[in-house]
Protein backbone atom coordinates (compact mmCIF):
# COMPACT_ATOMS: atom_id res chain seq x y z
CA MET A 1 0.00 0.00 0.00
CA GLU A 2 1.07 3.57 -0.63
CA SER A 3 0.76 4.47 3.04
CA ASP A 4 3.62 2.00 3.83
CA ASN A 5 6.02 4.20 1.87
CA PRO A 6 8.13 6.21 4.37
CA SER A 7 8.28 9.22 2.05
CA PHE A 8 4.50 9.26 1.78
CA LYS A 9 4.15 9.10 5.57
CA GLN A 10 6.65 11.89 5.96
CA LYS A 11 4.74 14.07 3.51
CA LEU A 12 1.45 13.21 5.20
CA GLN A 13 2.87 14.05 8.63
CA GLU A 14 4.16 17.36 7.30
CA ILE A 15 0.75 18.33 5.89
CA ILE A 16 -1.29 17.27 8.92
CA PHE A 17 0.89 18.32 11.84
CA GLU A 18 2.80 21.34 10.54
CA ALA A 19 1.62 24.78 9.46
CA ASP A 20 4.87 26.20 8.08
CA THR A 21 4.33 24.75 4.60
CA PRO A 22 1.70 25.93 2.05
CA SER A 23 0.03 22.51 2.05
CA GLY A 24 0.00 22.44 5.85
CA LYS A 25 -1.57 25.90 6.00
CA ARG A 26 -4.28 24.91 3.52
CA PHE A 27 -5.03 21.76 5.51
CA ASP A 28 -5.28 23.73 8.77
CA ILE A 29 -7.57 26.35 7.22
CA LEU A 30 -9.93 23.72 5.78
CA LEU A 31 -9.98 21.81 9.06
CA PHE A 32 -10.55 25.03 10.99
CA TRP A 33 -13.67 25.81 8.96
CA ALA A 34 -14.90 22.22 9.19
CA ILE A 35 -14.64 22.27 12.99
CA GLY A 36 -16.38 25.64 13.24
CA LEU A 37 -19.23 24.57 10.97
CA SER A 38 -19.68 21.24 12.76
CA VAL A 39 -19.95 22.98 16.15
CA LEU A 40 -22.41 25.46 14.62
CA VAL A 41 -24.57 22.55 13.44
CA VAL A 42 -24.57 21.04 16.94
CA THR A 43 -25.64 24.33 18.53
CA LEU A 44 -28.37 24.98 15.95
CA GLU A 45 -29.67 21.44 16.38
CA SER A 46 -30.30 22.16 20.06
CA VAL A 47 -32.90 24.80 19.08
CA PRO A 48 -36.29 22.98 19.09
CA SER A 49 -37.75 24.87 16.12
CA PHE A 50 -34.67 24.24 13.97
CA ARG A 51 -34.44 20.60 15.04
CA GLU A 52 -38.05 19.87 14.07
CA LYS A 53 -37.75 21.60 10.69
CA TYR A 54 -34.25 20.57 9.60
CA SER A 55 -33.66 17.30 11.47
CA ALA A 56 -32.86 15.36 8.28
CA LEU A 57 -30.43 18.02 7.09
CA PHE A 58 -28.72 18.19 10.47
CA ARG A 59 -28.34 14.41 10.50
CA THR A 60 -26.82 14.36 7.01
CA VAL A 61 -24.40 17.20 7.73
CA GLU A 62 -23.38 15.63 11.03
CA TRP A 63 -22.53 12.33 9.36
CA PHE A 64 -20.54 14.18 6.70
CA PHE A 65 -18.40 15.86 9.36
CA THR A 66 -18.11 12.63 11.36
CA VAL A 67 -16.76 10.75 8.34
CA LEU A 68 -14.44 13.66 7.54
CA PHE A 69 -12.99 13.78 11.06
CA THR A 70 -12.76 9.99 11.19
CA VAL A 71 -10.60 9.98 8.05
CA GLU A 72 -8.49 12.76 9.54
CA TYR A 73 -8.10 10.79 12.79
CA ILE A 74 -6.98 7.66 10.92
CA LEU A 75 -4.51 9.64 8.81
CA ARG A 76 -3.01 11.22 11.92
CA ILE A 77 -2.49 7.79 13.47
CA ASP A 78 -1.00 6.44 10.23
CA SER A 79 1.40 9.36 9.75
CA VAL A 80 3.22 9.17 13.11
CA LYS A 81 5.90 6.65 14.02
CA LYS A 82 4.44 5.94 17.45
CA PRO A 83 0.63 5.92 17.07
CA LEU A 84 -0.08 5.12 20.72
CA LYS A 85 1.59 8.35 21.85
CA TYR A 86 -0.74 10.33 19.64
CA ILE A 87 -3.84 8.30 20.54
CA PHE A 88 -3.35 8.90 24.28
CA SER A 89 -2.18 12.50 23.93
CA PHE A 90 -4.47 15.44 24.75
CA TYR A 91 -5.28 16.22 21.12
CA GLY A 92 -5.58 12.52 20.29
CA ILE A 93 -8.29 12.12 22.94
CA ILE A 94 -10.05 15.28 21.72
CA ASP A 95 -9.97 13.97 18.14
CA LEU A 96 -11.56 10.72 19.32
CA LEU A 97 -14.23 12.58 21.30
CA SER A 98 -15.11 14.56 18.18
CA ILE A 99 -16.20 11.42 16.30
CA LEU A 100 -17.17 8.92 19.01
CA PRO A 101 -20.59 10.34 20.07
CA THR A 102 -22.10 10.00 16.59
CA PHE A 103 -21.10 6.34 16.36
CA LEU A 104 -22.25 5.64 19.92
CA GLY A 105 -25.63 7.13 19.02
CA LEU A 106 -26.17 4.19 16.66
CA TYR A 107 -26.17 1.78 19.61
CA VAL A 108 -28.53 3.80 21.81
CA GLY A 109 -31.96 2.42 21.03
CA THR A 110 -35.37 3.97 21.58
CA THR A 111 -35.73 2.04 24.84
CA HIS A 112 -32.94 4.09 26.40
CA SER A 113 -33.43 7.44 28.01
CA ILE A 114 -33.63 10.35 25.59
CA ARG A 115 -31.34 12.20 28.00
CA VAL A 116 -28.55 9.70 27.28
CA ILE A 117 -28.91 10.32 23.56
CA ARG A 118 -28.86 14.07 24.10
CA VAL A 119 -25.70 13.88 26.23
CA LEU A 120 -23.93 11.78 23.61
CA ARG A 121 -24.88 14.19 20.85
CA LEU A 122 -23.84 17.25 22.84
CA LEU A 123 -20.42 15.70 23.44
CA ARG A 124 -19.70 16.57 19.81
CA VAL A 125 -19.19 20.15 20.94
CA PHE A 126 -15.79 18.98 22.21
CA ARG A 127 -14.67 19.54 18.63
CA VAL A 128 -14.26 23.18 19.54
CA LEU A 129 -11.24 22.15 21.64
CA LYS A 130 -9.54 21.09 18.42
CA LEU A 131 -9.41 24.77 17.49
CA ILE A 132 -6.78 25.29 20.19
CA SER A 133 -4.23 23.43 18.11
CA PHE A 134 -4.44 26.14 15.42
CA VAL A 135 -3.34 28.94 17.71
CA LYS A 136 0.40 29.14 18.27
CA GLN A 137 -0.13 31.36 21.31
CA ALA A 138 -2.11 28.53 22.92
CA GLN A 139 1.13 26.60 23.27
CA GLN A 140 2.74 29.55 25.04
CA LEU A 141 -0.28 29.94 27.33
CA ARG A 142 -0.23 26.24 28.19
CA ASN A 143 3.48 26.39 29.01
CA ALA A 144 2.93 29.49 31.16
CA LEU A 145 0.07 27.85 33.08
CA LYS A 146 2.10 24.68 33.56
CA SER A 147 5.12 26.61 34.82
CA SER A 148 3.08 28.72 37.25
CA ARG A 149 0.79 25.96 38.53
CA GLN A 150 2.58 25.63 41.88
CA LYS A 151 2.29 29.35 42.57
CA ILE A 152 -1.38 29.31 41.57
CA ILE A 153 -2.08 26.30 43.80
CA VAL A 154 -0.49 28.06 46.78
CA PHE A 155 -2.51 31.18 45.95
CA LEU A 156 -5.76 29.21 45.76
CA LEU A 157 -5.01 27.54 49.10
CA ALA A 158 -4.44 30.95 50.66
CA VAL A 159 -7.75 32.17 49.22
CA LEU A 160 -9.49 29.05 50.56
CA VAL A 161 -8.17 29.73 54.06
CA LEU A 162 -9.24 33.38 53.74
CA VAL A 163 -12.83 32.61 52.72
CA VAL A 164 -13.17 30.08 55.54
CA ILE A 165 -12.08 32.72 58.07
CA LEU A 166 -14.27 35.44 56.55
CA GLY A 167 -17.26 33.11 56.31
CA THR A 168 -16.87 32.08 59.95
CA LEU A 169 -16.64 35.72 61.06
CA MET A 170 -19.75 36.64 59.10
CA TYR A 171 -21.60 33.66 60.62
CA MET A 172 -20.71 35.04 64.07
CA LEU A 173 -21.78 38.61 63.20
CA GLU A 174 -25.05 37.96 61.33
CA SER A 175 -28.19 36.09 62.34
CA PRO A 176 -29.70 33.03 60.61
CA GLU A 177 -32.77 35.11 59.67
CA ASP A 178 -30.58 37.09 57.25
CA GLY A 179 -29.47 33.94 55.42
CA PHE A 180 -26.30 33.08 57.34
CA THR A 181 -27.68 29.79 58.62
CA SER A 182 -24.38 27.90 58.75
CA ILE A 183 -20.65 28.30 58.24
CA PRO A 184 -20.72 26.63 54.78
CA ARG A 185 -23.51 29.02 53.76
CA SER A 186 -21.45 31.94 55.04
CA ILE A 187 -18.38 30.66 53.19
CA TYR A 188 -20.48 30.65 50.01
CA TRP A 189 -21.27 34.32 50.66
CA ALA A 190 -17.57 35.05 51.22
CA ILE A 191 -16.63 33.41 47.90
CA VAL A 192 -19.33 35.29 45.99
CA THR A 193 -18.33 38.59 47.58
CA LEU A 194 -14.56 38.08 47.32
CA THR A 195 -14.81 37.30 43.61
CA THR A 196 -16.94 40.47 43.15
CA VAL A 197 -19.79 38.41 41.66
CA GLY A 198 -22.32 39.67 44.18
CA TYR A 199 -25.49 37.62 43.59
CA GLY A 200 -27.25 39.46 46.40
CA ASP A 201 -29.13 36.38 47.61
CA ILE A 202 -27.47 36.80 51.03
CA THR A 203 -26.67 40.24 52.42
CA PRO A 204 -25.42 41.37 55.83
CA GLN A 205 -27.78 43.59 57.81
CA THR A 206 -25.74 44.65 60.82
CA VAL A 207 -23.18 47.47 60.86
CA PHE A 208 -20.33 45.10 61.69
CA GLY A 209 -21.41 42.69 58.96
CA GLN A 210 -21.59 45.43 56.35
CA THR A 211 -18.19 46.73 57.44
CA LEU A 212 -16.69 43.27 57.03
CA ALA A 213 -18.40 42.94 53.64
CA SER A 214 -16.81 46.21 52.52
CA VAL A 215 -13.38 44.93 53.52
CA VAL A 216 -13.98 41.66 51.64
CA MET A 217 -14.97 43.57 48.50
CA ILE A 218 -11.80 45.66 48.58
CA ILE A 219 -9.67 42.56 49.16
CA GLY A 220 -11.43 40.92 46.21
CA TYR A 221 -10.24 43.55 43.76
CA ALA A 222 -6.64 43.03 44.88
CA ILE A 223 -6.84 39.24 44.82
CA ILE A 224 -8.24 38.98 41.28
CA ALA A 225 -5.07 40.53 39.84
CA VAL A 226 -2.69 38.06 41.51
CA PRO A 227 -3.12 34.96 39.26
CA THR A 228 -3.18 37.20 36.20
CA GLY A 229 0.20 38.65 37.18
CA ILE A 230 1.66 35.19 37.83
CA VAL A 231 0.63 33.81 34.44
CA THR A 232 1.60 37.02 32.62
CA ALA A 233 5.11 36.90 34.08
CA GLU A 234 5.54 33.33 32.89
CA MET A 235 4.20 34.16 29.43
CA VAL A 236 6.71 37.01 29.10
CA ARG A 237 9.48 34.62 30.07
CA PHE A 238 8.45 32.09 27.42
CA THR A 239 7.79 34.56 24.61
CA SER A 240 11.08 36.37 25.19
CA GLY A 241 13.04 33.14 24.89
CA THR A 242 14.02 31.14 21.84
CA ASN A 243 11.73 31.42 18.82
CA THR A 244 9.69 28.34 18.07
CA ASN A 245 7.94 27.08 14.98
CA THR A 246 5.12 24.67 14.20
CA GLN A 247 7.39 21.81 13.19
CA ALA A 248 5.94 18.66 14.72
CA CYS A 249 7.98 15.66 15.80
CA PRO A 250 7.32 12.67 13.48
CA SER A 251 7.39 10.38 16.51
CA CYS A 252 5.43 12.06 19.31
CA SER A 253 3.71 14.80 17.21
CA LYS A 254 4.59 17.53 19.72
CA GLU A 255 5.48 21.06 18.62
CA GLY A 256 7.34 23.98 20.19
CA HIS A 257 10.85 23.30 18.89
CA ALA A 258 13.46 25.95 18.24
CA ASP A 259 14.02 26.99 14.64
CA ASP A 260 17.47 25.35 14.57
CA ALA A 261 16.47 22.23 16.52
CA LYS A 262 17.59 18.91 15.01
CA TYR A 263 16.11 16.61 17.63
CA CYS A 264 12.79 16.57 19.49
CA LYS A 265 13.14 18.01 22.99
CA TYR A 266 10.38 15.70 24.25
CA CYS A 267 11.36 12.25 22.93
CA GLY A 268 14.77 12.76 21.29
CA GLU A 269 13.62 11.72 17.80
CA LYS A 270 15.41 13.34 14.86
CA LEU A 271 13.34 16.12 13.30
């Protein structure tokens, strides 16, 4: 078969996984539009009036996109040297989720709950996650989040301790008649207030409670900026480093290599 030819696989891998070549750019643009249109079909199908009027059309279009993404999924597996690494990678799982619900729908009979069918069909919206792979900055954002995760975890733990303390204080200051019936309920109020959401379903009525609420609101404005600053600092560090391109490793399919890289920094395979 032609697909057993190493040169053919290399060309296929270049078109599918890389965006630096004209053929790779055309493939990405076509796939980008296909994903967007398929997600649009799923969202329109959830509208009762559209579903009743165009159910046959929606079904036909959905199968067209399912077959298209199935072929793409198979070609991706066939073009890499280590298929299992791609299959169990993040984007490999997303690619599988984009086609699996339609096929699973064939085995859900009328005796099953209609809710199960609806959940399976709505899982197709996971195709929108495939769009992330088209944005080079998404790689930089992912690296920044990964690098700053320990700082963010410590920050979230500090916020958790803070809302527990504030919620307990508010429980002591306010009466159950005003909605502060328990410490967990008061912690919920502290979270809503600290994040500046302010549903207004629970409000303090005493002077001390309102004073504490004012302090929590002010603290909330300062806290919101902290994780943003942490991630931004990491993004600046990554973007100011070595330039990267979209060249994908033929073995593990990962990107983010330097322009002059000869070997994959993830698995060591020659690029």
